PDB file of all heavy atoms in Angstrom:
ATOM      1  N   TRP A   1      89.517 112.216 114.353  1.00  0.00           N
ATOM      2  CA  TRP A   1      89.584 110.959 113.608  1.00  0.00           C
ATOM      3  C   TRP A   1      91.057 110.580 113.456  1.00  0.00           C
ATOM      4  O   TRP A   1      91.889 111.426 113.075  1.00  0.00           O
ATOM      5  CB  TRP A   1      88.946 111.089 112.226  1.00  0.00           C
ATOM      6  CG  TRP A   1      87.459 111.056 112.221  1.00  0.00           C
ATOM      7  CD1 TRP A   1      86.602 112.120 112.169  1.00  0.00           C
ATOM      8  CD2 TRP A   1      86.626 109.896 112.241  1.00  0.00           C
ATOM      9  NE1 TRP A   1      85.304 111.694 112.172  1.00  0.00           N
ATOM     10  CE2 TRP A   1      85.282 110.329 112.209  1.00  0.00           C
ATOM     11  CE3 TRP A   1      86.877 108.517 112.287  1.00  0.00           C
ATOM     12  CZ2 TRP A   1      84.202 109.447 112.217  1.00  0.00           C
ATOM     13  CZ3 TRP A   1      85.811 107.641 112.297  1.00  0.00           C
ATOM     14  CH2 TRP A   1      84.485 108.107 112.263  1.00  0.00           C
ATOM     15  N   PHE A   2      91.344 109.316 113.728  1.00  0.00           N
ATOM     16  CA  PHE A   2      92.681 108.785 113.612  1.00  0.00           C
ATOM     17  C   PHE A   2      92.606 107.491 112.815  1.00  0.00           C
ATOM     18  O   PHE A   2      91.532 106.894 112.689  1.00  0.00           O
ATOM     19  CB  PHE A   2      93.267 108.519 115.004  1.00  0.00           C
ATOM     20  CG  PHE A   2      93.361 109.750 115.867  1.00  0.00           C
ATOM     21  CD1 PHE A   2      92.259 110.215 116.569  1.00  0.00           C
ATOM     22  CD2 PHE A   2      94.544 110.459 115.946  1.00  0.00           C
ATOM     23  CE1 PHE A   2      92.331 111.366 117.347  1.00  0.00           C
ATOM     24  CE2 PHE A   2      94.636 111.607 116.722  1.00  0.00           C
ATOM     25  CZ  PHE A   2      93.528 112.062 117.422  1.00  0.00           C
ATOM     26  N   ARG A   3      93.733 107.062 112.270  1.00  0.00           N
ATOM     27  CA  ARG A   3      93.720 105.807 111.524  1.00  0.00           C
ATOM     28  C   ARG A   3      95.014 105.047 111.750  1.00  0.00           C
ATOM     29  O   ARG A   3      96.058 105.638 112.051  1.00  0.00           O
ATOM     30  CB  ARG A   3      93.508 106.069 110.031  1.00  0.00           C
ATOM     31  CG  ARG A   3      94.664 106.798 109.339  1.00  0.00           C
ATOM     32  CD  ARG A   3      94.275 107.128 107.900  1.00  0.00           C
ATOM     33  NE  ARG A   3      95.377 107.795 107.199  1.00  0.00           N
ATOM     34  CZ  ARG A   3      95.275 108.272 105.954  1.00  0.00           C
ATOM     35  NH1 ARG A   3      94.126 108.168 105.285  1.00  0.00           N
ATOM     36  NH2 ARG A   3      96.329 108.848 105.391  1.00  0.00           N
ATOM     37  N   GLN A   4      94.909 103.733 111.600  1.00  0.00           N
ATOM     38  CA  GLN A   4      96.082 102.885 111.747  1.00  0.00           C
ATOM     39  C   GLN A   4      96.099 101.841 110.649  1.00  0.00           C
ATOM     40  O   GLN A   4      95.190 101.020 110.554  1.00  0.00           O
ATOM     41  CB  GLN A   4      96.101 102.210 113.122  1.00  0.00           C
ATOM     42  CG  GLN A   4      97.389 101.450 113.394  1.00  0.00           C
ATOM     43  CD  GLN A   4      97.531 101.069 114.849  1.00  0.00           C
ATOM     44  OE1 GLN A   4      96.563 100.988 115.595  1.00  0.00           O
ATOM     45  NE2 GLN A   4      98.767 100.830 115.276  1.00  0.00           N
ATOM     46  N   ALA A   5      97.121 101.903 109.821  1.00  0.00           N
ATOM     47  CA  ALA A   5      97.311 100.935 108.742  1.00  0.00           C
ATOM     48  C   ALA A   5      98.119  99.754 109.279  1.00  0.00           C
ATOM     49  O   ALA A   5      98.857  99.895 110.258  1.00  0.00           O
ATOM     50  CB  ALA A   5      98.027 101.595 107.577  1.00  0.00           C
ATOM     51  N   PRO A   6      98.003  98.604 108.640  1.00  0.00           N
ATOM     52  CA  PRO A   6      98.750  97.426 109.098  1.00  0.00           C
ATOM     53  C   PRO A   6     100.242  97.697 109.168  1.00  0.00           C
ATOM     54  O   PRO A   6     100.838  98.225 108.226  1.00  0.00           O
ATOM     55  CB  PRO A   6      98.425  96.378 108.034  1.00  0.00           C
ATOM     56  CG  PRO A   6      97.105  96.800 107.480  1.00  0.00           C
ATOM     57  CD  PRO A   6      97.127  98.302 107.500  1.00  0.00           C
ATOM     58  N   GLY A   7     100.838  97.376 110.309  1.00  0.00           N
ATOM     59  CA  GLY A   7     102.271  97.546 110.472  1.00  0.00           C
ATOM     60  C   GLY A   7     102.733  98.964 110.700  1.00  0.00           C
ATOM     61  O   GLY A   7     103.945  99.221 110.740  1.00  0.00           O
ATOM     62  N   LYS A   8     101.792  99.889 110.842  1.00  0.00           N
ATOM     63  CA  LYS A   8     102.163 101.290 111.038  1.00  0.00           C
ATOM     64  C   LYS A   8     101.585 101.827 112.340  1.00  0.00           C
ATOM     65  O   LYS A   8     100.649 101.271 112.902  1.00  0.00           O
ATOM     66  CB  LYS A   8     101.686 102.138 109.861  1.00  0.00           C
ATOM     67  CG  LYS A   8     102.344 101.791 108.537  1.00  0.00           C
ATOM     68  CD  LYS A   8     101.935 102.773 107.456  1.00  0.00           C
ATOM     69  CE  LYS A   8     102.650 102.478 106.145  1.00  0.00           C
ATOM     70  NZ  LYS A   8     102.279 103.449 105.082  1.00  0.00           N
ATOM     71  N   GLU A   9     102.128 102.947 112.794  1.00  0.00           N
ATOM     72  CA  GLU A   9     101.594 103.601 113.987  1.00  0.00           C
ATOM     73  C   GLU A   9     100.304 104.344 113.632  1.00  0.00           C
ATOM     74  O   GLU A   9     100.090 104.737 112.479  1.00  0.00           O
ATOM     75  CB  GLU A   9     102.628 104.581 114.545  1.00  0.00           C
ATOM     76  CG  GLU A   9     103.861 103.904 115.115  1.00  0.00           C
ATOM     77  CD  GLU A   9     104.775 104.886 115.813  1.00  0.00           C
ATOM     78  OE1 GLU A   9     104.499 106.105 115.762  1.00  0.00           O
ATOM     79  OE2 GLU A   9     105.768 104.446 116.409  1.00  0.00           O
ATOM     80  N   ARG A  10      99.500 104.536 114.660  1.00  0.00           N
ATOM     81  CA  ARG A  10      98.266 105.286 114.450  1.00  0.00           C
ATOM     82  C   ARG A  10      98.624 106.744 114.147  1.00  0.00           C
ATOM     83  O   ARG A  10      99.527 107.315 114.769  1.00  0.00           O
ATOM     84  CB  ARG A  10      97.374 105.187 115.680  1.00  0.00           C
ATOM     85  CG  ARG A  10      95.982 105.736 115.466  1.00  0.00           C
ATOM     86  CD  ARG A  10      95.000 105.160 116.479  1.00  0.00           C
ATOM     87  NE  ARG A  10      95.385 105.378 117.851  1.00  0.00           N
ATOM     88  CZ  ARG A  10      94.772 104.801 118.873  1.00  0.00           C
ATOM     89  NH1 ARG A  10      93.772 103.961 118.671  1.00  0.00           N
ATOM     90  NH2 ARG A  10      95.167 105.062 120.096  1.00  0.00           N
ATOM     91  N   GLU A  11      97.891 107.342 113.199  1.00  0.00           N
ATOM     92  CA  GLU A  11      98.160 108.726 112.811  1.00  0.00           C
ATOM     93  C   GLU A  11      96.868 109.528 112.822  1.00  0.00           C
ATOM     94  O   GLU A  11      95.774 108.996 112.679  1.00  0.00           O
ATOM     95  CB  GLU A  11      98.787 108.786 111.424  1.00  0.00           C
ATOM     96  CG  GLU A  11      97.902 108.263 110.310  1.00  0.00           C
ATOM     97  CD  GLU A  11      98.536 108.451 108.925  1.00  0.00           C
ATOM     98  OE1 GLU A  11      99.656 108.980 108.830  1.00  0.00           O
ATOM     99  OE2 GLU A  11      97.885 108.073 107.940  1.00  0.00           O
ATOM    100  N   ALA A  12      97.029 110.821 112.996  1.00  0.00           N
ATOM    101  CA  ALA A  12      95.874 111.714 113.019  1.00  0.00           C
ATOM    102  C   ALA A  12      95.393 111.992 111.603  1.00  0.00           C
ATOM    103  O   ALA A  12      96.192 112.080 110.659  1.00  0.00           O
ATOM    104  CB  ALA A  12      96.231 113.009 113.716  1.00  0.00           C
ATOM    105  N   VAL A  13      94.095 112.140 111.458  1.00  0.00           N
ATOM    106  CA  VAL A  13      93.486 112.432 110.165  1.00  0.00           C
ATOM    107  C   VAL A  13      92.848 113.815 110.167  1.00  0.00           C
ATOM    108  O   VAL A  13      93.134 114.652 109.314  1.00  0.00           O
ATOM    109  CB  VAL A  13      92.426 111.379 109.817  1.00  0.00           C
ATOM    110  CG1 VAL A  13      91.705 111.738 108.525  1.00  0.00           C
ATOM    111  CG2 VAL A  13      93.066 109.994 109.707  1.00  0.00           C
ATOM    112  N   SER A  14      91.970 114.058 111.154  1.00  0.00           N
ATOM    113  CA  SER A  14      91.233 115.311 111.180  1.00  0.00           C
ATOM    114  C   SER A  14      90.617 115.502 112.556  1.00  0.00           C
ATOM    115  O   SER A  14      90.509 114.551 113.340  1.00  0.00           O
ATOM    116  CB  SER A  14      90.123 115.273 110.116  1.00  0.00           C
ATOM    117  OG  SER A  14      89.376 116.475 110.121  1.00  0.00           O
ATOM    118  N   CYS A  15      90.225 116.741 112.855  1.00  0.00           N
ATOM    119  CA  CYS A  15      89.502 116.988 114.111  1.00  0.00           C
ATOM    120  C   CYS A  15      88.581 118.185 113.935  1.00  0.00           C
ATOM    121  O   CYS A  15      88.757 118.990 113.003  1.00  0.00           O
ATOM    122  CB  CYS A  15      90.453 117.201 115.284  1.00  0.00           C
ATOM    123  SG  CYS A  15      91.438 118.718 115.224  1.00  0.00           S
ATOM    124  N   ILE A  16      87.599 118.268 114.830  1.00  0.00           N
ATOM    125  CA  ILE A  16      86.649 119.378 114.828  1.00  0.00           C
ATOM    126  C   ILE A  16      86.406 119.790 116.273  1.00  0.00           C
ATOM    127  O   ILE A  16      86.241 118.945 117.164  1.00  0.00           O
ATOM    128  CB  ILE A  16      85.340 118.985 114.111  1.00  0.00           C
ATOM    129  CG1 ILE A  16      84.406 120.189 113.981  1.00  0.00           C
ATOM    130  CG2 ILE A  16      84.645 117.818 114.808  1.00  0.00           C
ATOM    131  CD1 ILE A  16      83.247 119.949 113.002  1.00  0.00           C
ATOM    132  N   SER A  17      86.415 121.095 116.517  1.00  0.00           N
ATOM    133  CA  SER A  17      86.249 121.588 117.881  1.00  0.00           C
ATOM    134  C   SER A  17      84.783 121.557 118.290  1.00  0.00           C
ATOM    135  O   SER A  17      83.882 121.449 117.456  1.00  0.00           O
ATOM    136  CB  SER A  17      86.788 123.018 117.993  1.00  0.00           C
ATOM    137  OG  SER A  17      85.970 123.910 117.270  1.00  0.00           O
ATOM    138  N   SER A  18      84.555 121.689 119.598  1.00  0.00           N
ATOM    139  CA  SER A  18      83.192 121.665 120.117  1.00  0.00           C
ATOM    140  C   SER A  18      82.517 123.021 120.029  1.00  0.00           C
ATOM    141  O   SER A  18      81.299 123.104 119.963  1.00  0.00           O
ATOM    142  CB  SER A  18      83.202 121.215 121.579  1.00  0.00           C
ATOM    143  OG  SER A  18      83.990 122.108 122.360  1.00  0.00           O
ATOM    144  N   GLY A  19      83.278 124.091 120.024  1.00  0.00           N
ATOM    145  CA  GLY A  19      82.697 125.425 120.064  1.00  0.00           C
ATOM    146  C   GLY A  19      82.313 125.957 118.709  1.00  0.00           C
ATOM    147  O   GLY A  19      81.182 125.811 118.248  1.00  0.00           O
ATOM    148  N   ASP A  20      83.289 126.553 118.038  1.00  0.00           N
ATOM    149  CA  ASP A  20      82.988 127.183 116.750  1.00  0.00           C
ATOM    150  C   ASP A  20      83.096 126.224 115.569  1.00  0.00           C
ATOM    151  O   ASP A  20      82.926 126.633 114.431  1.00  0.00           O
ATOM    152  CB  ASP A  20      83.905 128.394 116.521  1.00  0.00           C
ATOM    153  CG  ASP A  20      85.377 128.014 116.452  1.00  0.00           C
ATOM    154  OD1 ASP A  20      85.689 126.809 116.535  1.00  0.00           O
ATOM    155  OD2 ASP A  20      86.202 128.930 116.320  1.00  0.00           O
ATOM    156  N   GLY A  21      83.384 124.966 115.855  1.00  0.00           N
ATOM    157  CA  GLY A  21      83.435 123.983 114.777  1.00  0.00           C
ATOM    158  C   GLY A  21      84.672 124.104 113.909  1.00  0.00           C
ATOM    159  O   GLY A  21      84.669 123.643 112.757  1.00  0.00           O
ATOM    160  N   SER A  22      85.746 124.688 114.451  1.00  0.00           N
ATOM    161  CA  SER A  22      86.985 124.778 113.687  1.00  0.00           C
ATOM    162  C   SER A  22      87.491 123.375 113.347  1.00  0.00           C
ATOM    163  O   SER A  22      87.342 122.448 114.146  1.00  0.00           O
ATOM    164  CB  SER A  22      88.050 125.518 114.495  1.00  0.00           C
ATOM    165  OG  SER A  22      87.647 126.832 114.765  1.00  0.00           O
ATOM    166  N   THR A  23      88.086 123.256 112.182  1.00  0.00           N
ATOM    167  CA  THR A  23      88.552 121.945 111.721  1.00  0.00           C
ATOM    168  C   THR A  23      90.028 121.981 111.348  1.00  0.00           C
ATOM    169  O   THR A  23      90.563 123.038 110.969  1.00  0.00           O
ATOM    170  CB  THR A  23      87.741 121.480 110.509  1.00  0.00           C
ATOM    171  OG1 THR A  23      87.883 122.451 109.455  1.00  0.00           O
ATOM    172  CG2 THR A  23      86.262 121.338 110.853  1.00  0.00           C
ATOM    173  N   TYR A  24      90.654 120.829 111.453  1.00  0.00           N
ATOM    174  CA  TYR A  24      92.053 120.674 111.044  1.00  0.00           C
ATOM    175  C   TYR A  24      92.194 119.342 110.326  1.00  0.00           C
ATOM    176  O   TYR A  24      91.475 118.385 110.621  1.00  0.00           O
ATOM    177  CB  TYR A  24      92.976 120.731 112.255  1.00  0.00           C
ATOM    178  CG  TYR A  24      92.978 122.078 112.932  1.00  0.00           C
ATOM    179  CD1 TYR A  24      92.133 122.325 114.011  1.00  0.00           C
ATOM    180  CD2 TYR A  24      93.802 123.102 112.482  1.00  0.00           C
ATOM    181  CE1 TYR A  24      92.114 123.563 114.622  1.00  0.00           C
ATOM    182  CE2 TYR A  24      93.788 124.342 113.099  1.00  0.00           C
ATOM    183  CZ  TYR A  24      92.942 124.564 114.166  1.00  0.00           C
ATOM    184  OH  TYR A  24      92.923 125.801 114.760  1.00  0.00           O
ATOM    185  N   TYR A  25      93.138 119.316 109.386  1.00  0.00           N
ATOM    186  CA  TYR A  25      93.348 118.108 108.596  1.00  0.00           C
ATOM    187  C   TYR A  25      94.833 117.806 108.480  1.00  0.00           C
ATOM    188  O   TYR A  25      95.658 118.723 108.381  1.00  0.00           O
ATOM    189  CB  TYR A  25      92.770 118.275 107.190  1.00  0.00           C
ATOM    190  CG  TYR A  25      91.284 118.513 107.166  1.00  0.00           C
ATOM    191  CD1 TYR A  25      90.763 119.807 107.192  1.00  0.00           C
ATOM    192  CD2 TYR A  25      90.395 117.441 107.124  1.00  0.00           C
ATOM    193  CE1 TYR A  25      89.396 120.023 107.184  1.00  0.00           C
ATOM    194  CE2 TYR A  25      89.025 117.651 107.109  1.00  0.00           C
ATOM    195  CZ  TYR A  25      88.533 118.948 107.137  1.00  0.00           C
ATOM    196  OH  TYR A  25      87.184 119.159 107.128  1.00  0.00           O
ATOM    197  N   ALA A  26      95.139 116.519 108.446  1.00  0.00           N
ATOM    198  CA  ALA A  26      96.497 116.117 108.120  1.00  0.00           C
ATOM    199  C   ALA A  26      96.760 116.450 106.653  1.00  0.00           C
ATOM    200  O   ALA A  26      95.841 116.424 105.827  1.00  0.00           O
ATOM    201  CB  ALA A  26      96.669 114.616 108.356  1.00  0.00           C
ATOM    202  N   ASP A  27      97.995 116.761 106.327  1.00  0.00           N
ATOM    203  CA  ASP A  27      98.323 117.132 104.949  1.00  0.00           C
ATOM    204  C   ASP A  27      97.953 116.030 103.958  1.00  0.00           C
ATOM    205  O   ASP A  27      97.579 116.311 102.814  1.00  0.00           O
ATOM    206  CB  ASP A  27      99.819 117.432 104.839  1.00  0.00           C
ATOM    207  CG  ASP A  27     100.200 118.747 105.512  1.00  0.00           C
ATOM    208  OD1 ASP A  27      99.298 119.566 105.785  1.00  0.00           O
ATOM    209  OD2 ASP A  27     101.402 118.942 105.776  1.00  0.00           O
ATOM    210  N   SER A  28      98.031 114.791 104.397  1.00  0.00           N
ATOM    211  CA  SER A  28      97.783 113.667 103.503  1.00  0.00           C
ATOM    212  C   SER A  28      96.326 113.564 103.052  1.00  0.00           C
ATOM    213  O   SER A  28      96.032 112.896 102.052  1.00  0.00           O
ATOM    214  CB  SER A  28      98.199 112.360 104.180  1.00  0.00           C
ATOM    215  OG  SER A  28      97.490 112.176 105.394  1.00  0.00           O
ATOM    216  N   VAL A  29      95.411 114.203 103.784  1.00  0.00           N
ATOM    217  CA  VAL A  29      93.992 114.101 103.437  1.00  0.00           C
ATOM    218  C   VAL A  29      93.371 115.453 103.095  1.00  0.00           C
ATOM    219  O   VAL A  29      92.202 115.516 102.690  1.00  0.00           O
ATOM    220  CB  VAL A  29      93.175 113.444 104.571  1.00  0.00           C
ATOM    221  CG1 VAL A  29      93.776 112.099 104.944  1.00  0.00           C
ATOM    222  CG2 VAL A  29      93.063 114.359 105.786  1.00  0.00           C
TER     223      VAL A  29
END
């Protein structure tokens, strides 16, 4: 998942792998 606010670059939010379902999050969320 990525997001883009008005006037800003797109940034990463979170992701989940296909195998074991490992997840990662941006510090902001």
